[in-house]
Amino acid sequence: IVNYSSTPDDFPCDLKAVGRYVDIEVEDESAI
């Protein structure tokens, strides 16, 4: 789980990010 220090600022002008921004990576997706 990659936890970023803030949310991105490149959301479109009609949307807005809130809370945490994360990236979840699975070593072997065939196991899921």
All heavy atoms as atom14 arrays in JSON, in Angstrom:
{
  "sequence": "IVNYSSTPDDFPCDLKAVGRYVDIEVEDESAI",
  "atom14_mask": [
    [1, 1, 1, 1, 1, 1, 1, 1, 0, 0, 0, 0, 0, 0],
    [1, 1, 1, 1, 1, 1, 1, 0, 0, 0, 0, 0, 0, 0],
    [1, 1, 1, 1, 1, 1, 1, 1, 0, 0, 0, 0, 0, 0],
    [1, 1, 1, 1, 1, 1, 1, 1, 1, 1, 1, 1, 0, 0],
    [1, 1, 1, 1, 1, 1, 0, 0, 0, 0, 0, 0, 0, 0],
    [1, 1, 1, 1, 1, 1, 0, 0, 0, 0, 0, 0, 0, 0],
    [1, 1, 1, 1, 1, 1, 1, 0, 0, 0, 0, 0, 0, 0],
    [1, 1, 1, 1, 1, 1, 1, 0, 0, 0, 0, 0, 0, 0],
    [1, 1, 1, 1, 1, 1, 1, 1, 0, 0, 0, 0, 0, 0],
    [1, 1, 1, 1, 1, 1, 1, 1, 0, 0, 0, 0, 0, 0],
    [1, 1, 1, 1, 1, 1, 1, 1, 1, 1, 1, 0, 0, 0],
    [1, 1, 1, 1, 1, 1, 1, 0, 0, 0, 0, 0, 0, 0],
    [1, 1, 1, 1, 1, 1, 0, 0, 0, 0, 0, 0, 0, 0],
    [1, 1, 1, 1, 1, 1, 1, 1, 0, 0, 0, 0, 0, 0],
    [1, 1, 1, 1, 1, 1, 1, 1, 0, 0, 0, 0, 0, 0],
    [1, 1, 1, 1, 1, 1, 1, 1, 1, 0, 0, 0, 0, 0],
    [1, 1, 1, 1, 1, 0, 0, 0, 0, 0, 0, 0, 0, 0],
    [1, 1, 1, 1, 1, 1, 1, 0, 0, 0, 0, 0, 0, 0],
    [1, 1, 1, 1, 0, 0, 0, 0, 0, 0, 0, 0, 0, 0],
    [1, 1, 1, 1, 1, 1, 1, 1, 1, 1, 1, 0, 0, 0],
    [1, 1, 1, 1, 1, 1, 1, 1, 1, 1, 1, 1, 0, 0],
    [1, 1, 1, 1, 1, 1, 1, 0, 0, 0, 0, 0, 0, 0],
    [1, 1, 1, 1, 1, 1, 1, 1, 0, 0, 0, 0, 0, 0],
    [1, 1, 1, 1, 1, 1, 1, 1, 0, 0, 0, 0, 0, 0],
    [1, 1, 1, 1, 1, 1, 1, 1, 1, 0, 0, 0, 0, 0],
    [1, 1, 1, 1, 1, 1, 1, 0, 0, 0, 0, 0, 0, 0],
    [1, 1, 1, 1, 1, 1, 1, 1, 1, 0, 0, 0, 0, 0],
    [1, 1, 1, 1, 1, 1, 1, 1, 0, 0, 0, 0, 0, 0],
    [1, 1, 1, 1, 1, 1, 1, 1, 1, 0, 0, 0, 0, 0],
    [1, 1, 1, 1, 1, 1, 0, 0, 0, 0, 0, 0, 0, 0],
    [1, 1, 1, 1, 1, 0, 0, 0, 0, 0, 0, 0, 0, 0],
    [1, 1, 1, 1, 1, 1, 1, 1, 0, 0, 0, 0, 0, 0]
  ],
  "atom14_positions": [
    [[0.87, -1.18, 0.0], [0.0, 0.0, 0.0], [0.91, 1.23, 0.0], [1.67, 1.45, 0.94], [-0.92, 0.02, 1.23], [-1.76, -1.26, 1.27], [-1.81, 1.26, 1.21], [-2.51, -1.45, 2.56], [0.0, 0.0, 0.0], [0.0, 0.0, 0.0], [0.0, 0.0, 0.0], [0.0, 0.0, 0.0], [0.0, 0.0, 0.0], [0.0, 0.0, 0.0]],
    [[0.86, 1.98, -1.07], [1.67, 3.2, -1.18], [0.81, 4.36, -0.69], [-0.21, 4.69, -1.29], [2.13, 3.43, -2.63], [3.04, 4.65, -2.7], [2.85, 2.2, -3.17], [0.0, 0.0, 0.0], [0.0, 0.0, 0.0], [0.0, 0.0, 0.0], [0.0, 0.0, 0.0], [0.0, 0.0, 0.0], [0.0, 0.0, 0.0], [0.0, 0.0, 0.0]],
    [[1.22, 4.97, 0.39], [0.48, 6.06, 1.01], [1.17, 7.38, 0.69], [2.32, 7.6, 1.05], [0.43, 5.85, 2.53], [-0.27, 6.98, 3.24], [-1.22, 7.54, 2.73], [0.21, 7.31, 4.43], [0.0, 0.0, 0.0], [0.0, 0.0, 0.0], [0.0, 0.0, 0.0], [0.0, 0.0, 0.0], [0.0, 0.0, 0.0], [0.0, 0.0, 0.0]],
    [[0.46, 8.28, 0.01], [1.03, 9.57, -0.38], [0.71, 10.64, 0.65], [-0.31, 10.56, 1.34], [0.53, 9.97, -1.76], [1.08, 9.07, -2.85], [0.46, 7.87, -3.16], [2.24, 9.41, -3.54], [0.97, 7.03, -4.14], [2.75, 8.58, -4.52], [2.11, 7.39, -4.82], [2.62, 6.56, -5.79], [0.0, 0.0, 0.0], [0.0, 0.0, 0.0]],
    [[1.56, 11.63, 0.74], [1.45, 12.63, 1.79], [0.29, 13.6, 1.58], [-0.11, 14.3, 2.5], [2.76, 13.43, 1.89], [3.05, 14.06, 0.65], [0.0, 0.0, 0.0], [0.0, 0.0, 0.0], [0.0, 0.0, 0.0], [0.0, 0.0, 0.0], [0.0, 0.0, 0.0], [0.0, 0.0, 0.0], [0.0, 0.0, 0.0], [0.0, 0.0, 0.0]],
    [[-0.24, 13.68, 0.38], [-1.4, 14.53, 0.13], [-2.11, 14.05, -1.13], [-1.59, 13.2, -1.85], [-0.98, 16.01, -0.03], [-0.13, 16.17, -1.15], [0.0, 0.0, 0.0], [0.0, 0.0, 0.0], [0.0, 0.0, 0.0], [0.0, 0.0, 0.0], [0.0, 0.0, 0.0], [0.0, 0.0, 0.0], [0.0, 0.0, 0.0], [0.0, 0.0, 0.0]],
    [[-3.28, 14.6, -1.37], [-4.03, 14.21, -2.56], [-3.51, 14.98, -3.78], [-2.96, 16.08, -3.64], [-5.53, 14.49, -2.38], [-5.69, 15.84, -1.96], [-6.12, 13.56, -1.35], [0.0, 0.0, 0.0], [0.0, 0.0, 0.0], [0.0, 0.0, 0.0], [0.0, 0.0, 0.0], [0.0, 0.0, 0.0], [0.0, 0.0, 0.0], [0.0, 0.0, 0.0]],
    [[-3.68, 14.43, -4.97], [-3.19, 15.11, -6.18], [-3.99, 16.36, -6.48], [-5.15, 16.48, -6.11], [-3.39, 14.06, -7.28], [-4.49, 13.19, -6.77], [-4.34, 13.15, -5.27], [0.0, 0.0, 0.0], [0.0, 0.0, 0.0], [0.0, 0.0, 0.0], [0.0, 0.0, 0.0], [0.0, 0.0, 0.0], [0.0, 0.0, 0.0], [0.0, 0.0, 0.0]],
    [[-3.37, 17.32, -7.2], [-4.07, 18.56, -7.52], [-4.48, 18.61, -8.98], [-4.86, 19.66, -9.49], [-3.2, 19.78, -7.19], [-1.95, 19.87, -8.06], [-1.66, 18.89, -8.77], [-1.29, 20.93, -8.04], [0.0, 0.0, 0.0], [0.0, 0.0, 0.0], [0.0, 0.0, 0.0], [0.0, 0.0, 0.0], [0.0, 0.0, 0.0], [0.0, 0.0, 0.0]],
    [[-4.42, 17.45, -9.66], [-4.77, 17.44, -11.08], [-6.16, 16.85, -11.32], [-6.45, 16.38, -12.41], [-3.72, 16.7, -11.9], [-3.48, 15.27, -11.42], [-4.1, 14.88, -10.42], [-2.68, 14.57, -12.05], [0.0, 0.0, 0.0], [0.0, 0.0, 0.0], [0.0, 0.0, 0.0], [0.0, 0.0, 0.0], [0.0, 0.0, 0.0], [0.0, 0.0, 0.0]],
    [[-7.02, 16.85, -10.28], [-8.41, 16.5, -10.51], [-9.03, 17.54, -11.45], [-8.65, 18.72, -11.42], [-9.18, 16.5, -9.19], [-9.3, 15.14, -8.54], [-8.2, 14.31, -8.45], [-10.51, 14.71, -8.04], [-8.3, 13.06, -7.86], [-10.63, 13.46, -7.45], [-9.52, 12.63, -7.35], [0.0, 0.0, 0.0], [0.0, 0.0, 0.0], [0.0, 0.0, 0.0]],
    [[-9.99, 17.17, -12.3], [-10.67, 18.16, -13.14], [-11.31, 19.24, -12.27], [-11.58, 19.03, -11.09], [-11.73, 17.33, -13.87], [-11.24, 15.92, -13.8], [-10.49, 15.8, -12.52], [0.0, 0.0, 0.0], [0.0, 0.0, 0.0], [0.0, 0.0, 0.0], [0.0, 0.0, 0.0], [0.0, 0.0, 0.0], [0.0, 0.0, 0.0], [0.0, 0.0, 0.0]],
    [[-11.61, 20.37, -12.89], [-12.11, 21.52, -12.13], [-13.47, 21.25, -11.49], [-13.85, 21.91, -10.53], [-12.18, 22.76, -13.01], [-13.26, 22.58, -14.45], [0.0, 0.0, 0.0], [0.0, 0.0, 0.0], [0.0, 0.0, 0.0], [0.0, 0.0, 0.0], [0.0, 0.0, 0.0], [0.0, 0.0, 0.0], [0.0, 0.0, 0.0], [0.0, 0.0, 0.0]],
    [[-14.23, 20.26, -12.03], [-15.54, 19.98, -11.46], [-15.51, 18.87, -10.43], [-16.55, 18.45, -9.93], [-16.54, 19.64, -12.57], [-16.05, 18.54, -13.49], [-14.9, 18.09, -13.3], [-16.8, 18.12, -14.39], [0.0, 0.0, 0.0], [0.0, 0.0, 0.0], [0.0, 0.0, 0.0], [0.0, 0.0, 0.0], [0.0, 0.0, 0.0], [0.0, 0.0, 0.0]],
    [[-14.31, 18.37, -10.1], [-14.14, 17.34, -9.07], [-13.1, 17.82, -8.07], [-12.3, 18.71, -8.35], [-13.67, 16.02, -9.69], [-14.56, 15.4, -10.77], [-13.89, 14.16, -11.35], [-15.93, 15.04, -10.22], [0.0, 0.0, 0.0], [0.0, 0.0, 0.0], [0.0, 0.0, 0.0], [0.0, 0.0, 0.0], [0.0, 0.0, 0.0], [0.0, 0.0, 0.0]],
    [[-13.1, 17.18, -6.89], [-12.12, 17.56, -5.87], [-11.77, 16.35, -5.03], [-12.66, 15.58, -4.65], [-12.65, 18.69, -5.0], [-11.55, 19.38, -4.19], [-12.04, 20.7, -3.63], [-10.9, 21.47, -2.99], [-11.35, 22.78, -2.47], [0.0, 0.0, 0.0], [0.0, 0.0, 0.0], [0.0, 0.0, 0.0], [0.0, 0.0, 0.0], [0.0, 0.0, 0.0]],
    [[-10.48, 16.17, -4.76], [-10.01, 15.04, -3.97], [-10.18, 15.34, -2.48], [-10.14, 16.48, -2.04], [-8.54, 14.74, -4.28], [0.0, 0.0, 0.0], [0.0, 0.0, 0.0], [0.0, 0.0, 0.0], [0.0, 0.0, 0.0], [0.0, 0.0, 0.0], [0.0, 0.0, 0.0], [0.0, 0.0, 0.0], [0.0, 0.0, 0.0], [0.0, 0.0, 0.0]],
    [[-10.35, 14.26, -1.7], [-10.5, 14.4, -0.26], [-9.82, 13.22, 0.42], [-9.81, 12.1, -0.09], [-11.99, 14.47, 0.16], [-12.71, 13.17, -0.18], [-12.15, 14.79, 1.64], [0.0, 0.0, 0.0], [0.0, 0.0, 0.0], [0.0, 0.0, 0.0], [0.0, 0.0, 0.0], [0.0, 0.0, 0.0], [0.0, 0.0, 0.0], [0.0, 0.0, 0.0]],
    [[-9.22, 13.48, 1.6], [-8.64, 12.4, 2.38], [-7.33, 11.87, 1.8], [-6.59, 12.58, 1.14], [0.0, 0.0, 0.0], [0.0, 0.0, 0.0], [0.0, 0.0, 0.0], [0.0, 0.0, 0.0], [0.0, 0.0, 0.0], [0.0, 0.0, 0.0], [0.0, 0.0, 0.0], [0.0, 0.0, 0.0], [0.0, 0.0, 0.0], [0.0, 0.0, 0.0]],
    [[-7.09, 10.59, 2.04], [-5.84, 9.97, 1.64], [-5.83, 9.64, 0.15], [-6.87, 9.46, -0.48], [-5.61, 8.67, 2.43], [-5.56, 8.85, 3.93], [-4.38, 9.68, 4.38], [-4.28, 9.72, 5.83], [-3.51, 8.9, 6.54], [-2.79, 7.97, 5.95], [-3.47, 9.0, 7.85], [0.0, 0.0, 0.0], [0.0, 0.0, 0.0], [0.0, 0.0, 0.0]],
    [[-4.6, 9.55, -0.37], [-4.38, 9.15, -1.75], [-3.45, 7.94, -1.7], [-2.34, 8.02, -1.18], [-3.77, 10.3, -2.54], [-3.16, 9.89, -3.84], [-3.92, 9.22, -4.8], [-1.84, 10.17, -4.12], [-3.35, 8.83, -5.99], [-1.26, 9.79, -5.31], [-2.03, 9.13, -6.23], [-1.46, 8.74, -7.41], [0.0, 0.0, 0.0], [0.0, 0.0, 0.0]],
    [[-3.9, 6.81, -2.2], [-3.14, 5.57, -2.06], [-3.03, 4.85, -3.4], [-3.82, 5.06, -4.32], [-3.78, 4.62, -1.02], [-3.82, 5.24, 0.35], [-5.18, 4.19, -1.46], [0.0, 0.0, 0.0], [0.0, 0.0, 0.0], [0.0, 0.0, 0.0], [0.0, 0.0, 0.0], [0.0, 0.0, 0.0], [0.0, 0.0, 0.0], [0.0, 0.0, 0.0]],
    [[-2.04, 3.97, -3.46], [-1.86, 3.07, -4.59], [-1.66, 1.68, -4.0], [-0.78, 1.48, -3.15], [-0.65, 3.5, -5.43], [-0.54, 2.71, -6.73], [-1.48, 1.96, -7.04], [0.47, 2.86, -7.42], [0.0, 0.0, 0.0], [0.0, 0.0, 0.0], [0.0, 0.0, 0.0], [0.0, 0.0, 0.0], [0.0, 0.0, 0.0], [0.0, 0.0, 0.0]],
    [[-2.47, 0.72, -4.41], [-2.39, -0.65, -3.89], [-1.8, -1.54, -4.97], [-2.33, -1.62, -6.08], [-3.78, -1.15, -3.46], [-4.36, -0.22, -2.39], [-3.7, -2.58, -2.93], [-5.82, -0.46, -2.09], [0.0, 0.0, 0.0], [0.0, 0.0, 0.0], [0.0, 0.0, 0.0], [0.0, 0.0, 0.0], [0.0, 0.0, 0.0], [0.0, 0.0, 0.0]],
    [[-0.71, -2.21, -4.64], [-0.02, -3.06, -5.61], [0.02, -4.5, -5.1], [0.34, -4.74, -3.93], [1.4, -2.54, -5.83], [1.45, -1.09, -6.33], [2.86, -0.52, -6.32], [3.78, -1.22, -5.82], [3.05, 0.61, -6.8], [0.0, 0.0, 0.0], [0.0, 0.0, 0.0], [0.0, 0.0, 0.0], [0.0, 0.0, 0.0], [0.0, 0.0, 0.0]],
    [[-0.32, -5.44, -5.97], [-0.31, -6.85, -5.63], [0.81, -7.54, -6.39], [0.92, -7.4, -7.61], [-1.67, -7.52, -5.98], [-1.64, -9.0, -5.62], [-2.81, -6.81, -5.27], [0.0, 0.0, 0.0], [0.0, 0.0, 0.0], [0.0, 0.0, 0.0], [0.0, 0.0, 0.0], [0.0, 0.0, 0.0], [0.0, 0.0, 0.0], [0.0, 0.0, 0.0]],
    [[1.65, -8.27, -5.67], [2.79, -8.93, -6.3], [2.34, -9.98, -7.33], [2.89, -10.06, -8.42], [3.65, -9.59, -5.22], [4.93, -10.23, -5.75], [5.77, -10.8, -4.62], [5.31, -11.75, -3.96], [6.88, -10.27, -4.4], [0.0, 0.0, 0.0], [0.0, 0.0, 0.0], [0.0, 0.0, 0.0], [0.0, 0.0, 0.0], [0.0, 0.0, 0.0]],
    [[1.33, -10.76, -6.99], [0.82, -11.8, -7.89], [-0.7, -11.65, -7.98], [-1.43, -12.16, -7.14], [1.2, -13.19, -7.39], [0.68, -14.3, -8.29], [0.21, -14.0, -9.41], [0.75, -15.48, -7.88], [0.0, 0.0, 0.0], [0.0, 0.0, 0.0], [0.0, 0.0, 0.0], [0.0, 0.0, 0.0], [0.0, 0.0, 0.0], [0.0, 0.0, 0.0]],
    [[-1.18, -10.93, -9.01], [-2.61, -10.67, -9.11], [-3.41, -11.93, -9.41], [-4.62, -11.98, -9.16], [-2.88, -9.61, -10.18], [-2.4, -8.22, -9.78], [-3.06, -7.12, -10.57], [-3.97, -7.42, -11.38], [-2.69, -5.94, -10.38], [0.0, 0.0, 0.0], [0.0, 0.0, 0.0], [0.0, 0.0, 0.0], [0.0, 0.0, 0.0], [0.0, 0.0, 0.0]],
    [[-2.75, -12.98, -9.92], [-3.48, -14.23, -10.19], [-3.88, -14.93, -8.89], [-4.72, -15.83, -8.89], [-2.61, -15.17, -11.03], [-1.47, -15.6, -10.3], [0.0, 0.0, 0.0], [0.0, 0.0, 0.0], [0.0, 0.0, 0.0], [0.0, 0.0, 0.0], [0.0, 0.0, 0.0], [0.0, 0.0, 0.0], [0.0, 0.0, 0.0], [0.0, 0.0, 0.0]],
    [[-3.27, -14.52, -7.77], [-3.63, -15.1, -6.47], [-4.89, -14.48, -5.89], [-5.45, -15.0, -4.92], [-2.47, -14.92, -5.49], [0.0, 0.0, 0.0], [0.0, 0.0, 0.0], [0.0, 0.0, 0.0], [0.0, 0.0, 0.0], [0.0, 0.0, 0.0], [0.0, 0.0, 0.0], [0.0, 0.0, 0.0], [0.0, 0.0, 0.0], [0.0, 0.0, 0.0]],
    [[-5.37, -13.38, -6.48], [-6.53, -12.67, -5.96], [-7.8, -13.19, -6.6], [-7.89, -13.34, -7.82], [-6.4, -11.15, -6.21], [-5.1, -10.62, -5.57], [-7.61, -10.42, -5.66], [-5.01, -10.82, -4.09], [0.0, 0.0, 0.0], [0.0, 0.0, 0.0], [0.0, 0.0, 0.0], [0.0, 0.0, 0.0], [0.0, 0.0, 0.0], [0.0, 0.0, 0.0]]
  ]
}
